[in-house]
């Protein structure tokens, strides 16, 4: 049954991220995620892309489509390149990764951050995302 569930490969690039160059490009994210999924036997792949959208909120078409599929019980795994691709509001990211996804039995993976909800709770994940966001904001201490 789980093999029938969708594996979402989610890519996001904001206008600000585009200034960082090729490493965060949609093509690069898609390549990393597709290779990761293929090497680990994930099937029923659906690539969702939000190009030109900020990560500070979740009002993005790709995220909304994915969350709708999650709520319908159709998603088994949600994979991103890193936590900041999913979102830059660490409280909302935590809400989805720690509460929403587990309640729908959705596995969450952030490839470059070494995050995989199947391995259990990672107490450092919210902090990792917070530090990335602080760096993104020019090192402003909050």
N, C-alpha and C. Protein backbone atom coordinates (compact mmCIF):
# COMPACT_ATOMS: atom_id res chain seq x y z
N UNK A 1 0.83 -1.21 0.00
CA UNK A 1 0.00 0.00 0.00
C UNK A 1 0.87 1.26 0.00
N UNK A 2 1.94 1.29 0.84
CA UNK A 2 2.78 2.47 0.89
C UNK A 2 3.46 2.75 -0.44
N UNK A 3 3.73 1.68 -1.23
CA UNK A 3 4.34 1.89 -2.54
C UNK A 3 3.40 2.65 -3.46
N UNK A 4 2.11 2.60 -3.18
CA UNK A 4 1.15 3.34 -4.00
C UNK A 4 1.07 4.81 -3.60
N UNK A 5 1.54 5.12 -2.40
CA UNK A 5 1.48 6.51 -1.94
C UNK A 5 2.48 7.36 -2.70
N UNK A 6 2.16 8.63 -2.82
CA UNK A 6 2.98 9.57 -3.56
C UNK A 6 4.22 9.95 -2.76
N UNK A 7 5.34 10.05 -3.46
CA UNK A 7 6.56 10.63 -2.92
C UNK A 7 6.69 12.01 -3.54
N UNK A 8 6.57 13.04 -2.72
CA UNK A 8 6.69 14.42 -3.21
C UNK A 8 8.15 14.83 -3.16
N UNK A 9 8.63 15.33 -4.29
CA UNK A 9 9.94 15.97 -4.37
C UNK A 9 9.63 17.46 -4.51
N UNK A 10 9.92 18.21 -3.46
CA UNK A 10 9.53 19.62 -3.44
C UNK A 10 10.73 20.54 -3.65
N UNK A 11 10.59 21.45 -4.61
CA UNK A 11 11.63 22.43 -4.94
C UNK A 11 11.06 23.84 -4.80
N UNK A 12 11.87 24.72 -4.20
CA UNK A 12 11.45 26.12 -4.08
C UNK A 12 12.64 27.02 -4.32
N UNK A 13 12.39 28.11 -5.03
CA UNK A 13 13.41 29.13 -5.26
C UNK A 13 12.74 30.49 -5.19
N UNK A 14 13.24 31.34 -4.30
CA UNK A 14 12.72 32.70 -4.23
C UNK A 14 13.59 33.60 -5.09
N UNK A 15 13.13 34.80 -5.32
CA UNK A 15 13.93 35.76 -6.08
C UNK A 15 15.26 36.04 -5.37
N UNK A 16 15.24 36.08 -4.04
CA UNK A 16 16.47 36.31 -3.28
C UNK A 16 17.41 35.13 -3.40
N UNK A 17 16.87 33.90 -3.38
CA UNK A 17 17.70 32.70 -3.51
C UNK A 17 18.39 32.64 -4.87
N UNK A 18 17.75 33.17 -5.89
CA UNK A 18 18.31 33.13 -7.23
C UNK A 18 19.65 33.85 -7.29
N UNK A 19 19.85 34.81 -6.41
CA UNK A 19 21.11 35.54 -6.35
C UNK A 19 22.26 34.66 -5.86
N UNK A 20 21.93 33.56 -5.15
CA UNK A 20 22.94 32.64 -4.63
C UNK A 20 23.55 31.78 -5.72
N UNK A 21 22.96 31.77 -6.90
CA UNK A 21 23.52 31.03 -8.02
C UNK A 21 22.91 29.67 -8.23
N UNK A 22 23.63 28.84 -8.97
CA UNK A 22 23.14 27.55 -9.45
C UNK A 22 22.83 26.55 -8.34
N UNK A 23 23.50 26.64 -7.18
CA UNK A 23 23.34 25.61 -6.16
C UNK A 23 21.91 25.47 -5.67
N UNK A 24 21.14 26.53 -5.69
CA UNK A 24 19.75 26.45 -5.24
C UNK A 24 18.76 26.46 -6.39
N UNK A 25 19.23 26.41 -7.63
CA UNK A 25 18.32 26.48 -8.78
C UNK A 25 17.32 25.34 -8.75
N UNK A 26 16.20 25.56 -9.39
CA UNK A 26 15.17 24.52 -9.47
C UNK A 26 15.74 23.28 -10.15
N UNK A 27 16.49 23.48 -11.24
CA UNK A 27 17.08 22.33 -11.96
C UNK A 27 18.01 21.54 -11.05
N UNK A 28 18.82 22.23 -10.26
CA UNK A 28 19.75 21.55 -9.36
C UNK A 28 18.99 20.79 -8.26
N UNK A 29 17.98 21.43 -7.68
CA UNK A 29 17.18 20.76 -6.65
C UNK A 29 16.50 19.52 -7.22
N UNK A 30 15.90 19.67 -8.40
CA UNK A 30 15.20 18.55 -9.03
C UNK A 30 16.17 17.39 -9.28
N UNK A 31 17.36 17.71 -9.74
CA UNK A 31 18.36 16.69 -10.01
C UNK A 31 18.78 15.95 -8.74
N UNK A 32 19.06 16.70 -7.68
CA UNK A 32 19.45 16.11 -6.40
C UNK A 32 18.35 15.20 -5.86
N UNK A 33 17.12 15.70 -5.88
CA UNK A 33 15.99 14.95 -5.32
C UNK A 33 15.64 13.73 -6.15
N UNK A 34 15.68 13.86 -7.47
CA UNK A 34 15.37 12.73 -8.34
C UNK A 34 16.39 11.62 -8.16
N UNK A 35 17.66 12.00 -8.10
CA UNK A 35 18.73 11.02 -7.90
C UNK A 35 18.57 10.34 -6.53
N UNK A 36 18.32 11.13 -5.50
CA UNK A 36 18.14 10.59 -4.14
C UNK A 36 16.99 9.58 -4.12
N UNK A 37 15.87 9.96 -4.70
CA UNK A 37 14.69 9.08 -4.71
C UNK A 37 14.97 7.79 -5.48
N UNK A 38 15.60 7.90 -6.63
CA UNK A 38 15.89 6.72 -7.44
C UNK A 38 16.84 5.78 -6.72
N UNK A 39 17.88 6.32 -6.10
CA UNK A 39 18.87 5.49 -5.40
C UNK A 39 18.29 4.77 -4.19
N UNK A 40 17.20 5.30 -3.64
CA UNK A 40 16.62 4.72 -2.43
C UNK A 40 15.29 4.02 -2.69
N UNK A 41 14.92 3.87 -3.95
CA UNK A 41 13.75 3.09 -4.31
C UNK A 41 12.40 3.75 -4.09
N UNK A 42 12.38 5.07 -3.98
CA UNK A 42 11.09 5.75 -3.86
C UNK A 42 10.38 5.70 -5.20
N UNK A 43 9.08 5.47 -5.16
CA UNK A 43 8.28 5.36 -6.37
C UNK A 43 7.12 6.34 -6.32
N UNK A 44 6.35 6.36 -7.40
CA UNK A 44 5.17 7.23 -7.50
C UNK A 44 5.55 8.67 -7.17
N UNK A 45 6.54 9.15 -7.90
CA UNK A 45 7.13 10.47 -7.68
C UNK A 45 6.24 11.57 -8.25
N UNK A 46 6.10 12.64 -7.48
CA UNK A 46 5.44 13.85 -7.96
C UNK A 46 6.34 15.03 -7.59
N UNK A 47 6.82 15.75 -8.60
CA UNK A 47 7.66 16.92 -8.36
C UNK A 47 6.77 18.15 -8.27
N UNK A 48 6.88 18.87 -7.17
CA UNK A 48 6.13 20.11 -6.97
C UNK A 48 7.14 21.25 -6.87
N UNK A 49 6.88 22.33 -7.60
CA UNK A 49 7.83 23.42 -7.70
C UNK A 49 7.15 24.75 -7.39
N UNK A 50 7.81 25.54 -6.57
CA UNK A 50 7.42 26.93 -6.33
C UNK A 50 8.62 27.79 -6.71
N UNK A 51 8.60 28.33 -7.91
CA UNK A 51 9.69 29.15 -8.42
C UNK A 51 9.32 30.62 -8.28
N UNK A 52 10.15 31.37 -7.55
CA UNK A 52 9.88 32.79 -7.35
C UNK A 52 9.04 33.09 -6.13
N UNK A 53 8.94 32.11 -5.21
CA UNK A 53 8.13 32.29 -4.00
C UNK A 53 9.01 32.32 -2.76
N UNK A 54 8.69 33.22 -1.87
CA UNK A 54 9.41 33.31 -0.60
C UNK A 54 9.11 32.10 0.27
N UNK A 55 10.06 31.77 1.12
CA UNK A 55 9.87 30.67 2.06
C UNK A 55 9.35 31.13 3.40
N UNK A 56 8.99 32.41 3.51
CA UNK A 56 8.55 32.94 4.80
C UNK A 56 7.10 32.64 5.11
N UNK A 57 6.37 32.09 4.14
CA UNK A 57 5.00 31.66 4.40
C UNK A 57 4.72 30.41 3.56
N UNK A 58 3.59 29.81 3.79
CA UNK A 58 3.25 28.57 3.08
C UNK A 58 2.12 28.78 2.07
N UNK A 59 1.88 30.02 1.70
CA UNK A 59 0.90 30.35 0.67
C UNK A 59 1.55 30.27 -0.70
N UNK A 60 1.98 29.05 -1.04
CA UNK A 60 2.64 28.78 -2.31
C UNK A 60 1.88 27.67 -3.00
N UNK A 61 1.67 27.78 -4.30
CA UNK A 61 0.86 26.78 -5.01
C UNK A 61 1.37 25.35 -4.85
N UNK A 62 2.67 25.14 -4.97
CA UNK A 62 3.22 23.79 -4.85
C UNK A 62 3.02 23.21 -3.47
N UNK A 63 3.30 24.00 -2.45
CA UNK A 63 3.10 23.54 -1.07
C UNK A 63 1.62 23.25 -0.83
N UNK A 64 0.76 24.14 -1.26
CA UNK A 64 -0.67 23.93 -1.05
C UNK A 64 -1.17 22.67 -1.74
N UNK A 65 -0.70 22.42 -2.96
CA UNK A 65 -1.08 21.19 -3.66
C UNK A 65 -0.59 19.97 -2.88
N UNK A 66 0.65 20.02 -2.42
CA UNK A 66 1.20 18.91 -1.65
C UNK A 66 0.46 18.69 -0.35
N UNK A 67 0.15 19.76 0.36
CA UNK A 67 -0.56 19.63 1.63
C UNK A 67 -1.97 19.08 1.42
N UNK A 68 -2.59 19.45 0.33
CA UNK A 68 -3.90 18.89 0.00
C UNK A 68 -3.80 17.37 -0.21
N UNK A 69 -2.76 16.93 -0.89
CA UNK A 69 -2.55 15.50 -1.09
C UNK A 69 -2.28 14.79 0.23
N UNK A 70 -1.52 15.46 1.11
CA UNK A 70 -1.25 14.91 2.45
C UNK A 70 -2.57 14.72 3.19
N UNK A 71 -3.42 15.76 3.20
CA UNK A 71 -4.69 15.70 3.91
C UNK A 71 -5.61 14.62 3.35
N UNK A 72 -5.44 14.28 2.09
CA UNK A 72 -6.23 13.20 1.48
C UNK A 72 -5.65 11.82 1.78
N UNK A 73 -4.52 11.79 2.48
CA UNK A 73 -3.88 10.52 2.82
C UNK A 73 -3.15 9.87 1.65
N UNK A 74 -2.79 10.66 0.66
CA UNK A 74 -2.18 10.11 -0.55
C UNK A 74 -0.66 10.15 -0.56
N UNK A 75 -0.04 10.83 0.41
CA UNK A 75 1.41 11.03 0.42
C UNK A 75 2.07 10.13 1.46
N UNK A 76 3.14 9.48 1.04
CA UNK A 76 3.92 8.65 1.96
C UNK A 76 5.19 9.35 2.41
N UNK A 77 5.78 10.15 1.52
CA UNK A 77 7.06 10.81 1.82
C UNK A 77 7.11 12.17 1.15
N UNK A 78 7.71 13.13 1.86
CA UNK A 78 7.93 14.49 1.33
C UNK A 78 9.43 14.74 1.44
N UNK A 79 10.08 15.00 0.30
CA UNK A 79 11.53 15.17 0.28
C UNK A 79 11.89 16.56 -0.25
N UNK A 80 12.81 17.21 0.45
CA UNK A 80 13.34 18.52 0.04
C UNK A 80 14.86 18.46 0.04
N UNK A 81 15.48 19.41 -0.67
CA UNK A 81 16.95 19.48 -0.69
C UNK A 81 17.48 19.82 0.70
N UNK A 82 16.89 20.82 1.33
CA UNK A 82 17.25 21.18 2.70
C UNK A 82 16.04 21.86 3.35
N UNK A 83 16.12 22.04 4.64
CA UNK A 83 14.98 22.57 5.39
C UNK A 83 14.53 23.93 4.87
N UNK A 84 15.46 24.77 4.45
CA UNK A 84 15.09 26.12 4.01
C UNK A 84 14.30 26.09 2.70
N UNK A 85 14.40 25.02 1.93
CA UNK A 85 13.60 24.91 0.71
C UNK A 85 12.14 24.71 1.08
N UNK A 86 11.87 24.00 2.17
CA UNK A 86 10.49 23.80 2.60
C UNK A 86 9.93 25.10 3.15
N UNK A 87 10.71 25.80 3.98
CA UNK A 87 10.25 27.06 4.52
C UNK A 87 11.30 27.73 5.37
N UNK A 88 11.17 29.03 5.50
CA UNK A 88 12.11 29.80 6.30
C UNK A 88 11.50 30.27 7.62
N UNK A 89 10.24 29.99 7.85
CA UNK A 89 9.60 30.28 9.14
C UNK A 89 9.72 29.00 9.96
N UNK A 90 10.74 28.95 10.82
CA UNK A 90 11.05 27.70 11.50
C UNK A 90 9.92 27.20 12.39
N UNK A 91 9.08 28.09 12.90
CA UNK A 91 7.95 27.63 13.71
C UNK A 91 6.93 26.88 12.85
N UNK A 92 6.65 27.42 11.67
CA UNK A 92 5.71 26.75 10.76
C UNK A 92 6.32 25.45 10.22
N UNK A 93 7.61 25.48 9.87
CA UNK A 93 8.28 24.26 9.40
C UNK A 93 8.15 23.19 10.48
N UNK A 94 8.42 23.57 11.72
CA UNK A 94 8.31 22.63 12.83
C UNK A 94 6.90 22.10 13.01
N UNK A 95 5.91 22.96 12.81
CA UNK A 95 4.51 22.53 12.93
C UNK A 95 4.21 21.43 11.91
N UNK A 96 4.68 21.63 10.68
CA UNK A 96 4.43 20.62 9.65
C UNK A 96 5.25 19.35 9.89
N UNK A 97 6.54 19.52 10.17
CA UNK A 97 7.40 18.34 10.29
C UNK A 97 7.21 17.57 11.59
N UNK A 98 6.79 18.26 12.64
CA UNK A 98 6.65 17.59 13.94
C UNK A 98 5.21 17.22 14.29
N UNK A 99 4.23 17.87 13.68
CA UNK A 99 2.83 17.62 14.04
C UNK A 99 2.00 17.14 12.84
N UNK A 100 1.94 17.95 11.80
CA UNK A 100 1.06 17.64 10.67
C UNK A 100 1.50 16.37 9.95
N UNK A 101 2.74 16.32 9.47
CA UNK A 101 3.18 15.15 8.72
C UNK A 101 3.08 13.85 9.53
N UNK A 102 3.56 13.83 10.78
CA UNK A 102 3.41 12.60 11.55
C UNK A 102 1.95 12.17 11.74
N UNK A 103 1.04 13.14 11.86
CA UNK A 103 -0.37 12.77 12.06
C UNK A 103 -0.96 12.10 10.82
N UNK A 104 -0.35 12.33 9.66
CA UNK A 104 -0.80 11.68 8.42
C UNK A 104 0.16 10.57 8.00
N UNK A 105 1.09 10.21 8.90
CA UNK A 105 2.08 9.17 8.64
C UNK A 105 2.90 9.47 7.38
N UNK A 106 3.32 10.73 7.25
CA UNK A 106 4.15 11.17 6.13
C UNK A 106 5.60 11.28 6.62
N UNK A 107 6.47 10.60 5.95
CA UNK A 107 7.90 10.67 6.23
C UNK A 107 8.45 11.95 5.61
N UNK A 108 9.27 12.70 6.36
CA UNK A 108 9.86 13.94 5.86
C UNK A 108 11.36 13.79 5.81
N UNK A 109 11.95 14.14 4.65
CA UNK A 109 13.40 14.04 4.46
C UNK A 109 13.93 15.36 3.92
N UNK A 110 14.97 15.88 4.55
CA UNK A 110 15.73 17.03 4.04
C UNK A 110 17.13 16.49 3.74
N UNK A 111 17.40 16.24 2.47
CA UNK A 111 18.58 15.50 2.03
C UNK A 111 19.88 16.09 2.57
N UNK A 112 20.15 17.35 2.27
CA UNK A 112 21.44 17.94 2.65
C UNK A 112 21.60 18.18 4.14
N UNK A 113 20.50 18.19 4.88
CA UNK A 113 20.56 18.40 6.32
C UNK A 113 20.61 17.09 7.11
N UNK A 114 20.50 15.96 6.41
CA UNK A 114 20.53 14.68 7.09
C UNK A 114 19.31 14.43 7.95
N UNK A 115 18.19 15.05 7.61
CA UNK A 115 16.96 14.90 8.38
C UNK A 115 16.09 13.83 7.72
N UNK A 116 15.66 12.86 8.52
CA UNK A 116 14.76 11.81 8.05
C UNK A 116 13.89 11.41 9.23
N UNK A 117 12.61 11.75 9.15
CA UNK A 117 11.71 11.49 10.27
C UNK A 117 11.59 10.01 10.58
N UNK A 118 11.92 9.15 9.65
CA UNK A 118 11.85 7.71 9.90
C UNK A 118 12.88 7.27 10.93
N UNK A 119 13.95 8.03 11.07
CA UNK A 119 14.99 7.71 12.05
C UNK A 119 14.64 8.23 13.43
N UNK A 120 13.49 8.84 13.58
CA UNK A 120 13.08 9.35 14.88
C UNK A 120 13.21 10.85 14.96
N UNK A 121 12.84 11.38 16.12
CA UNK A 121 12.88 12.83 16.32
C UNK A 121 14.31 13.33 16.27
N UNK A 122 14.50 14.46 15.62
CA UNK A 122 15.79 15.12 15.58
C UNK A 122 15.63 16.44 16.32
N UNK A 123 16.07 16.48 17.56
CA UNK A 123 15.88 17.66 18.39
C UNK A 123 16.62 18.89 17.86
N UNK A 124 17.60 18.69 16.98
CA UNK A 124 18.37 19.82 16.47
C UNK A 124 17.79 20.41 15.20
N UNK A 125 16.81 19.76 14.59
CA UNK A 125 16.27 20.22 13.32
C UNK A 125 15.71 21.64 13.39
N UNK A 126 14.87 21.98 14.36
CA UNK A 126 14.36 23.35 14.41
C UNK A 126 15.47 24.38 14.57
N UNK A 127 16.51 24.02 15.36
CA UNK A 127 17.61 24.95 15.58
C UNK A 127 18.44 25.12 14.31
N UNK A 128 18.64 24.02 13.58
CA UNK A 128 19.38 24.09 12.33
C UNK A 128 18.68 25.05 11.37
N UNK A 129 17.37 24.94 11.27
CA UNK A 129 16.62 25.82 10.38
C UNK A 129 16.67 27.26 10.87
N UNK A 130 16.61 27.48 12.17
CA UNK A 130 16.70 28.82 12.73
C UNK A 130 18.04 29.46 12.37
N UNK A 131 19.14 28.71 12.53
CA UNK A 131 20.45 29.26 12.23
C UNK A 131 20.60 29.55 10.74
N UNK A 132 20.03 28.71 9.88
CA UNK A 132 20.07 28.98 8.45
C UNK A 132 19.34 30.27 8.14
N UNK A 133 18.19 30.46 8.78
CA UNK A 133 17.39 31.67 8.53
C UNK A 133 18.12 32.90 9.04
N UNK A 134 18.79 32.80 10.17
CA UNK A 134 19.54 33.93 10.70
C UNK A 134 20.65 34.29 9.74
N UNK A 135 21.34 33.29 9.21
CA UNK A 135 22.38 33.54 8.21
C UNK A 135 21.80 34.22 6.99
N UNK A 136 20.62 33.74 6.57
CA UNK A 136 19.97 34.31 5.38
C UNK A 136 19.59 35.77 5.59
N UNK A 137 19.33 36.13 6.83
CA UNK A 137 18.94 37.51 7.14
C UNK A 137 20.14 38.40 7.39
N UNK A 138 21.32 37.93 6.99
CA UNK A 138 22.52 38.74 7.14
C UNK A 138 23.12 38.67 8.52
N UNK A 139 22.84 37.59 9.25
CA UNK A 139 23.44 37.41 10.56
C UNK A 139 22.81 38.24 11.65
N UNK A 140 21.63 38.74 11.44
CA UNK A 140 20.95 39.55 12.45
C UNK A 140 20.61 38.66 13.64
N UNK A 141 20.99 39.08 14.82
CA UNK A 141 20.64 38.33 16.02
C UNK A 141 19.28 38.75 16.51
N UNK A 142 18.41 37.79 16.71
CA UNK A 142 17.07 38.09 17.15
C UNK A 142 16.93 37.88 18.63
